[in-house]
Amino acid sequence: MPDQLTYDYAIVRVVPKVEREEFVNVGAIVSCPAKKFLEARIELNEQRLLALDPTLDVELIRNYLAAIPIICAGGGQAGAIGQLPQRERFHWLVAPRSTIIQTSRVHTGLCQNLPAVLEHLLDSMVRPCRPKLQV
């Protein structure tokens, strides 16, 4: 069996009204320092979000969410935060906040394929459940 990689992840959430504590999962961030891997994927389901709060400025939320993968990639396009070392960028992204964009607690796992982990997190935590077909 190939070596297992230790990774950390957090789920990205949109919390329309922080005082109500309702949220929609909209993405995932995965970090593996051993492989110098830091990546986020965002999939905003606007219909689910607007079901919680039809008054939301979805365009503004889309813009804020778009910054997360850019910060993961680092570099000048990510501003001052993009200049931080990769692990510090991860910790900055997952720091607790009481704003409309939040993340879950950080969780740890083992895997052999980091992109597959990111896809699995989107399937299991972000994308709407699909009904099971009966045969």
Protein backbone atom coordinates (compact mmCIF):
# COMPACT_ATOMS: atom_id res chain seq x y z
CA MET A 1 0.00 0.00 0.00
CA PRO A 2 1.43 3.40 -0.94
CA ASP A 3 2.19 5.85 1.81
CA GLN A 4 -0.77 7.71 3.24
CA LEU A 5 -0.67 11.51 3.25
CA THR A 6 -1.92 13.49 6.23
CA TYR A 7 -4.13 16.39 5.22
CA ASP A 8 -6.30 19.02 6.89
CA TYR A 9 -9.55 20.34 5.52
CA ALA A 10 -12.36 22.74 6.29
CA ILE A 11 -15.73 23.27 4.67
CA VAL A 12 -16.54 26.79 3.45
CA ARG A 13 -19.97 28.06 4.45
CA VAL A 14 -22.17 31.03 3.72
CA VAL A 15 -24.07 32.15 6.82
CA PRO A 16 -26.64 34.71 5.57
CA LYS A 17 -27.80 35.80 9.02
CA VAL A 18 -25.12 35.02 11.58
CA GLU A 19 -27.55 35.39 14.48
CA ARG A 20 -29.72 32.56 13.07
CA GLU A 21 -26.75 30.19 12.63
CA GLU A 22 -28.19 28.79 9.39
CA PHE A 23 -25.70 28.10 6.63
CA VAL A 24 -25.13 26.54 3.24
CA ASN A 25 -21.91 24.63 2.54
CA VAL A 26 -20.36 26.12 -0.59
CA GLY A 27 -16.84 24.74 -0.84
CA ALA A 28 -13.87 22.97 0.69
CA ILE A 29 -10.25 23.80 1.43
CA VAL A 30 -7.63 21.02 1.61
CA SER A 31 -4.05 21.44 2.86
CA CYS A 32 -1.18 18.95 2.87
CA PRO A 33 2.12 20.56 3.88
CA ALA A 34 4.13 17.42 3.03
CA LYS A 35 3.09 17.77 -0.63
CA LYS A 36 2.94 21.58 -0.60
CA PHE A 37 -0.74 21.27 -1.50
CA LEU A 38 -3.29 23.98 -0.71
CA GLU A 39 -6.40 24.10 -2.83
CA ALA A 40 -9.99 25.24 -2.50
CA ARG A 41 -12.99 24.64 -4.69
CA ILE A 42 -16.17 26.64 -4.45
CA GLU A 43 -19.58 25.60 -5.79
CA LEU A 44 -22.20 28.17 -4.88
CA ASN A 45 -25.77 26.94 -5.16
CA GLU A 46 -27.57 30.26 -5.30
CA GLN A 47 -31.03 28.71 -5.09
CA ARG A 48 -30.24 27.02 -1.76
CA LEU A 49 -28.69 30.23 -0.46
CA LEU A 50 -31.62 32.41 -1.47
CA ALA A 51 -33.98 29.95 0.23
CA LEU A 52 -32.39 31.03 3.53
CA ASP A 53 -32.38 34.74 2.71
CA PRO A 54 -33.93 36.10 -0.49
CA THR A 55 -32.47 39.56 0.20
CA LEU A 56 -28.81 38.48 -0.15
CA ASP A 57 -26.44 40.25 -2.50
CA VAL A 58 -25.36 37.07 -4.30
CA GLU A 59 -22.92 38.91 -6.57
CA LEU A 60 -21.03 40.26 -3.53
CA ILE A 61 -20.91 36.78 -1.96
CA ARG A 62 -19.67 35.31 -5.26
CA ASN A 63 -16.84 37.86 -5.28
CA TYR A 64 -15.80 37.08 -1.70
CA LEU A 65 -15.86 33.33 -2.39
CA ALA A 66 -13.80 33.76 -5.55
CA ALA A 67 -10.95 35.12 -3.43
CA ILE A 68 -10.53 31.84 -1.50
CA PRO A 69 -8.96 29.75 -4.32
CA ILE A 70 -6.83 32.76 -5.29
CA ILE A 71 -5.47 33.01 -1.75
CA CYS A 72 -4.76 29.25 -1.78
CA ALA A 73 -2.72 29.68 -4.97
CA GLY A 74 -0.76 32.55 -3.41
CA GLY A 75 1.32 35.10 -5.27
CA GLY A 76 0.77 38.73 -6.12
CA GLN A 77 -2.79 38.21 -7.35
CA ALA A 78 -3.77 37.22 -3.79
CA GLY A 79 -2.52 40.47 -2.26
CA ALA A 80 -0.58 40.63 1.00
CA ILE A 81 -2.07 37.36 2.25
CA GLY A 82 -0.83 35.65 -0.90
CA GLN A 83 2.74 36.43 0.14
CA LEU A 84 2.42 34.38 3.34
CA PRO A 85 3.80 30.83 3.44
CA GLN A 86 1.28 28.24 2.30
CA ARG A 87 0.50 26.87 5.77
CA GLU A 88 -0.08 30.37 7.13
CA ARG A 89 -2.49 31.08 4.27
CA PHE A 90 -4.43 27.94 5.22
CA HIS A 91 -4.63 29.03 8.86
CA TRP A 92 -5.69 32.54 7.82
CA LEU A 93 -8.48 31.10 5.65
CA VAL A 94 -9.84 28.79 8.35
CA ALA A 95 -9.57 31.21 11.28
CA PRO A 96 -12.89 31.54 13.14
CA ARG A 97 -15.00 34.46 11.95
CA SER A 98 -18.47 35.76 12.66
CA THR A 99 -19.11 37.06 9.17
CA ILE A 100 -21.21 35.84 6.27
CA ILE A 101 -18.33 33.66 4.94
CA GLN A 102 -17.11 31.11 7.51
CA THR A 103 -15.42 27.72 7.63
CA SER A 104 -16.07 24.63 9.67
CA ARG A 105 -13.58 23.48 12.27
CA VAL A 106 -10.44 21.98 10.74
CA HIS A 107 -10.51 18.21 10.37
CA THR A 108 -7.63 15.84 9.59
CA GLY A 109 -7.51 12.76 7.40
CA LEU A 110 -5.28 10.31 5.55
CA CYS A 111 -5.31 9.74 1.81
CA GLN A 112 -3.25 8.85 -1.23
CA ASN A 113 -4.87 11.27 -3.68
CA LEU A 114 -5.41 14.88 -2.57
CA PRO A 115 -7.48 16.04 -5.59
CA ALA A 116 -9.77 13.02 -5.04
CA VAL A 117 -10.24 14.07 -1.41
CA LEU A 118 -11.31 17.53 -2.52
CA GLU A 119 -13.81 16.02 -4.96
CA HIS A 120 -15.14 13.66 -2.28
CA LEU A 121 -15.64 16.56 0.14
CA LEU A 122 -17.61 18.47 -2.48
CA ASP A 123 -19.76 15.41 -3.19
CA SER A 124 -20.44 14.59 0.44
CA MET A 125 -20.59 18.04 2.05
CA VAL A 126 -21.40 20.67 -0.58
CA ARG A 127 -23.36 19.30 -3.51
CA PRO A 128 -27.06 18.61 -2.94
CA CYS A 129 -27.90 15.02 -2.15
CA ARG A 130 -29.13 13.03 -5.11
CA PRO A 131 -31.98 10.57 -4.66
CA LYS A 132 -30.92 6.96 -4.88
CA LEU A 133 -32.28 5.15 -7.89
CA GLN A 134 -34.14 1.97 -7.18
CA VAL A 135 -33.53 -0.93 -9.53
